[in-house]
Structures are given as C-alpha cells and as structure tokens.
Amino acid sequence: MSPHRVTRRSFLRYAGMGGAALVATLAGCTREVEVTREVIKKETVVVDAPKPTPLPIELMHWSNREAGKDEASMAWTGKALEIFHDKYPDVKIILENHAHETELVPALMAGTEPDLMTAEVDIQSKIANNLLLPIDDIYEPIKDDVLPGTCDAATWDGHVYGLSEHTAFLAMLANNDVLKKAGVPAGTFPATWDEALEVYNKITAAGKGEYYGCGLIGPQGS
C-alpha cells in the first residue's frame, strides 16, 4: 500500500470540509428559539362619572308666634310647609318660635341668626344696619304675581329684602257719639298727626276714664 502524501493544499481542503461539517453539526444541534412578540393595545375609554346625590338642605326659620296662642296662623303655616316639602323634597324647613325682641334681635346682632325669619314692621331698621340680605333673585321671577305695595316695607334702596306673609288693610273708624261728646263734628277725621293728637286728647278728656282717644297697635316695648 503506497503512502499518500498530504500536501498543504489538501490539508486545508480537508480541514475546511471538517470545519463545515462541524458547523453544520452544531447548527443541527442548536434548539430553534421561537420569539413571541406580545402586543398590548391600550384604549382610552371616557366614562361619565355618576352625579353625586344632592344632600338634603336644612333651613332654619324663626317665627315670633307664641305656641298655642296663634293656632290658626300656625295651622296655615304648617299647610304651606307641607306643600313646599312636597314640591322640594330635598329642602327641609325647620320652623321654631322665638321672641322677637329678646331672642331674634340679639341673634342678628351676634351673627347667630336663622336662615329665614318672620319680621315685624320695623324691618327697615334691620336692613339699614346690614343685618339682612336682599332677595332680588327670588323676587324678580314672581314679581308679577305679587300684589303691588305689599313688599314696600321690605324694600330699601331699590332692593327687596322680604315678601309679605299676610297683608292687612287698616282703616280709621270713629264713633260719632264719642266725637259729639268731645265737641268734634261727626264724620270729621284729622289730616295730620298734630290734628289727630288734638282730637284724641279731647276724646280722652270727654271719656273721663271710660274710653280714650285712640288705640294704636305697635311692636312689643313701644
């Protein structure tokens, strides 16, 4: 058997083949790796937030009626509150009775006043002292339904501060027999306060304690 001479060229050729076979073998043994791409899609969804449930509103209303002494008026007020609460179930009005001069006025001065109040004819003195707030925004939509003149006592500098709860029309009455005894012509009524005072004094003198010149209605303490 004759020996084969391995030349440099043949060595490189065989070595290259072996290297190729090694690379192929390594490639064949390598596990195929699967690359998975996860795509996350984000969507923006606009959801209307639920409207909060309105909390009940409580309003404190002070009246100056004495319990048990003004039952008819209190019954009317109670009926009005019933109608109001049926129409506005989220608003609760709490009605309390407090003396006007000894409780309400001090509360106004101290800043502990109620939300609403039943005022007397001297309401303008409270308005002038900045103790009350105007209600123009409430009055404007309903002013055509309000009897003209009934809010004049609660109107100050063009602003309305209150609505009339009830309206009374006053008139001067005279007893002609009483006027005759006092020397005043029957059917004669004074045109000024000075004339009125003069007539009242004559009637009082003629009455000799049985009757007096005039009876006037005024607030407590007047």
Protein backbone atom coordinates (compact mmCIF):
# COMPACT_ATOMS: atom_id res chain seq x y z
CA MET A 1 0.00 0.00 0.00
CA SER A 2 1.59 3.14 -1.12
CA PRO A 3 1.60 6.09 1.22
CA HIS A 4 -0.32 9.26 0.22
CA ARG A 5 1.45 12.47 0.59
CA VAL A 6 -0.61 15.15 2.18
CA THR A 7 0.15 18.46 0.72
CA ARG A 8 -0.60 21.80 2.33
CA ARG A 9 -3.37 22.46 -0.13
CA SER A 10 -5.11 19.13 0.52
CA PHE A 11 -4.83 19.63 4.29
CA LEU A 12 -6.55 22.94 4.10
CA ARG A 13 -9.21 21.47 1.87
CA TYR A 14 -9.93 18.62 4.28
CA ALA A 15 -9.79 20.89 7.24
CA GLY A 16 -12.29 23.19 5.58
CA MET A 17 -14.64 20.31 4.94
CA GLY A 18 -14.37 19.17 8.52
CA GLY A 19 -14.99 22.66 9.78
CA ALA A 20 -18.03 22.94 7.58
CA ALA A 21 -19.29 19.61 8.90
CA LEU A 22 -18.68 20.77 12.49
CA VAL A 23 -20.55 23.98 11.91
CA ALA A 24 -23.39 22.05 10.31
CA THR A 25 -23.47 19.64 13.25
CA LEU A 26 -23.50 22.46 15.77
CA ALA A 27 -26.21 24.17 13.81
CA GLY A 28 -28.22 20.97 13.72
CA CYS A 29 -27.94 20.52 17.48
CA THR A 30 -29.00 24.06 18.34
CA ARG A 31 -32.68 24.27 19.54
CA GLU A 32 -34.78 26.57 17.47
CA VAL A 33 -35.91 29.51 19.60
CA GLU A 34 -39.34 30.92 18.87
CA VAL A 35 -39.63 34.61 19.61
CA THR A 36 -43.13 35.69 20.54
CA ARG A 37 -43.94 39.37 20.47
CA GLU A 38 -46.75 40.39 22.74
CA VAL A 39 -48.55 43.49 21.55
CA ILE A 40 -50.59 45.27 24.20
CA LYS A 41 -53.15 47.68 22.95
CA LYS A 42 -54.37 50.35 25.33
CA GLU A 43 -57.66 52.08 24.75
CA THR A 44 -58.85 55.20 26.48
CA VAL A 45 -62.49 54.94 27.48
CA VAL A 46 -64.31 58.03 28.70
CA VAL A 47 -66.94 57.17 31.28
CA ASP A 48 -69.30 59.77 32.67
CA ALA A 49 -68.89 59.97 36.42
CA PRO A 50 -72.14 59.38 38.30
CA LYS A 51 -73.70 62.55 39.57
CA PRO A 52 -73.48 62.84 43.34
CA THR A 53 -76.72 62.55 45.22
CA PRO A 54 -77.65 66.02 46.48
CA LEU A 55 -77.56 66.31 50.22
CA PRO A 56 -80.72 67.48 51.96
CA ILE A 57 -80.74 71.20 52.66
CA GLU A 58 -81.99 72.36 56.03
CA LEU A 59 -83.17 75.94 56.52
CA MET A 60 -83.98 77.31 59.94
CA HIS A 61 -86.98 79.64 60.07
CA TRP A 62 -87.70 81.65 63.19
CA SER A 63 -91.22 82.90 63.77
CA ASN A 64 -92.35 85.11 66.62
CA ARG A 65 -95.70 83.47 67.23
CA GLU A 66 -96.32 82.12 70.68
CA ALA A 67 -97.17 78.43 70.58
CA GLY A 68 -100.83 77.81 71.33
CA LYS A 69 -101.83 81.49 71.07
CA ASP A 70 -101.95 81.76 67.30
CA GLU A 71 -103.26 78.36 66.30
CA ALA A 72 -104.99 79.48 63.11
CA SER A 73 -101.87 81.16 61.76
CA MET A 74 -99.67 78.22 62.78
CA ALA A 75 -102.05 75.83 61.02
CA TRP A 76 -101.80 77.92 57.86
CA THR A 77 -98.00 77.94 58.09
CA GLY A 78 -97.93 74.18 58.63
CA LYS A 79 -100.03 73.64 55.50
CA ALA A 80 -97.74 75.93 53.49
CA LEU A 81 -94.69 73.97 54.67
CA GLU A 82 -96.37 70.70 53.71
CA ILE A 83 -96.96 71.95 50.15
CA PHE A 84 -93.38 73.26 49.95
CA HIS A 85 -91.82 69.99 51.14
CA ASP A 86 -93.88 68.00 48.63
CA LYS A 87 -92.55 70.19 45.82
CA TYR A 88 -88.96 70.38 47.10
CA PRO A 89 -88.25 67.10 48.93
CA ASP A 90 -84.51 67.87 49.19
CA VAL A 91 -85.16 71.04 51.19
CA LYS A 92 -86.31 70.85 54.79
CA ILE A 93 -87.51 73.96 56.60
CA ILE A 94 -87.37 73.79 60.38
CA LEU A 95 -89.82 76.19 61.98
CA GLU A 96 -89.18 77.45 65.51
CA ASN A 97 -90.86 80.14 67.56
CA HIS A 98 -88.66 82.76 69.21
CA ALA A 99 -89.49 86.06 70.86
CA HIS A 100 -88.72 88.92 68.51
CA GLU A 101 -87.15 91.50 70.79
CA THR A 102 -85.43 89.23 73.33
CA GLU A 103 -84.16 86.45 71.04
CA LEU A 104 -84.25 87.33 67.36
CA VAL A 105 -82.72 90.80 67.58
CA PRO A 106 -79.80 89.64 69.81
CA ALA A 107 -79.19 86.71 67.44
CA LEU A 108 -78.98 89.11 64.49
CA MET A 109 -76.52 91.30 66.33
CA ALA A 110 -74.39 88.31 67.38
CA GLY A 111 -74.31 86.69 63.94
CA THR A 112 -76.19 83.57 65.09
CA GLU A 113 -79.37 84.41 63.21
CA PRO A 114 -81.56 81.83 61.42
CA ASP A 115 -81.68 81.43 57.64
CA LEU A 116 -85.22 82.80 57.43
CA MET A 117 -87.29 84.93 59.76
CA THR A 118 -90.73 86.39 60.21
CA ALA A 119 -90.07 90.12 60.54
CA GLU A 120 -92.09 92.91 62.06
CA VAL A 121 -92.89 96.32 60.59
CA ASP A 122 -89.54 97.62 61.83
CA ILE A 123 -87.71 95.50 59.26
CA GLN A 124 -86.13 98.57 57.64
CA SER A 125 -84.06 99.28 60.74
CA LYS A 126 -82.52 95.83 60.36
CA ILE A 127 -81.90 96.40 56.66
CA ALA A 128 -80.23 99.74 57.36
CA ASN A 129 -77.88 98.02 59.81
CA ASN A 130 -76.88 95.36 57.22
CA LEU A 131 -78.46 92.55 59.21
CA LEU A 132 -80.46 91.11 56.29
CA LEU A 133 -79.70 90.01 52.73
CA PRO A 134 -81.72 91.08 49.64
CA ILE A 135 -83.82 88.50 47.80
CA ASP A 136 -83.94 90.20 44.38
CA ASP A 137 -83.13 86.93 42.57
CA ILE A 138 -86.16 85.31 44.19
CA TYR A 139 -88.48 88.28 43.81
CA GLU A 140 -87.85 89.10 40.13
CA PRO A 141 -89.33 85.89 38.62
CA ILE A 142 -92.53 86.20 40.70
CA LYS A 143 -93.00 89.96 40.99
CA ASP A 144 -95.89 89.99 38.51
CA ASP A 145 -97.80 87.67 40.85
CA VAL A 146 -97.18 89.82 43.94
CA LEU A 147 -99.80 92.37 44.96
CA PRO A 148 -98.28 95.83 44.37
CA GLY A 149 -97.27 97.63 47.51
CA THR A 150 -97.12 94.59 49.77
CA CYS A 151 -93.32 94.50 49.65
CA ASP A 152 -92.77 98.23 50.07
CA ALA A 153 -91.99 97.92 53.78
CA ALA A 154 -89.24 95.42 52.96
CA THR A 155 -87.80 97.43 50.06
CA TRP A 156 -84.68 99.50 50.66
CA ASP A 157 -82.56 101.40 48.15
CA GLY A 158 -84.20 99.58 45.24
CA HIS A 159 -83.66 96.09 46.69
CA VAL A 160 -86.29 93.74 48.10
CA TYR A 161 -85.49 92.04 51.41
CA GLY A 162 -88.71 90.19 52.16
CA LEU A 163 -92.11 89.06 50.96
CA SER A 164 -95.37 89.70 52.74
CA GLU A 165 -96.62 86.63 54.58
CA HIS A 166 -100.01 88.19 55.08
CA THR A 167 -101.35 91.63 54.26
CA ALA A 168 -103.73 93.69 56.35
CA PHE A 169 -105.56 96.82 55.29
CA LEU A 170 -106.03 99.27 58.14
CA ALA A 171 -108.69 101.93 58.38
CA MET A 172 -109.65 104.56 60.93
CA LEU A 173 -113.07 104.11 62.50
CA ALA A 174 -114.83 106.57 64.75
CA ASN A 175 -117.90 106.54 66.97
CA ASN A 176 -119.97 109.61 66.10
CA ASP A 177 -121.49 109.74 69.59
CA VAL A 178 -118.00 109.83 71.09
CA LEU A 179 -116.95 112.58 68.68
CA LYS A 180 -120.07 114.60 69.54
CA LYS A 181 -119.37 114.40 73.28
CA ALA A 182 -115.82 115.60 72.62
CA GLY A 183 -117.08 118.55 70.59
CA VAL A 184 -115.74 117.18 67.29
CA PRO A 185 -118.06 117.34 64.23
CA ALA A 186 -119.24 113.87 63.20
CA GLY A 187 -117.51 112.48 60.15
CA THR A 188 -114.50 114.69 60.68
CA PHE A 189 -111.15 112.91 60.54
CA PRO A 190 -107.80 114.54 61.26
CA ALA A 191 -105.50 115.03 58.27
CA THR A 192 -102.22 115.31 60.21
CA TRP A 193 -100.73 113.74 63.32
CA ASP A 194 -100.96 117.07 65.11
CA GLU A 195 -104.68 117.27 64.37
CA ALA A 196 -105.10 113.64 65.40
CA LEU A 197 -103.39 114.24 68.74
CA GLU A 198 -105.66 117.20 69.41
CA VAL A 199 -108.80 115.15 68.71
CA TYR A 200 -107.53 112.21 70.77
CA ASN A 201 -106.94 114.45 73.77
CA LYS A 202 -110.48 115.87 73.51
CA ILE A 203 -111.97 112.38 73.35
CA THR A 204 -109.89 111.20 76.31
CA ALA A 205 -110.96 114.19 78.38
CA ALA A 206 -114.62 113.67 77.49
CA GLY A 207 -114.40 109.97 78.26
CA LYS A 208 -113.37 110.60 81.89
CA GLY A 209 -111.64 107.24 82.15
CA GLU A 210 -114.38 105.23 80.41
CA TYR A 211 -112.71 105.41 76.99
CA TYR A 212 -109.70 107.02 75.41
CA GLY A 213 -108.87 108.98 72.29
CA CYS A 214 -107.33 106.24 70.19
CA GLY A 215 -105.86 102.78 70.38
CA LEU A 216 -102.74 102.13 68.30
CA ILE A 217 -101.09 98.78 67.62
CA GLY A 218 -97.32 98.69 67.88
CA PRO A 219 -94.45 96.25 68.46
CA GLN A 220 -93.51 95.00 71.90
CA GLY A 221 -91.71 97.55 74.01
CA SER A 222 -93.05 100.56 72.09
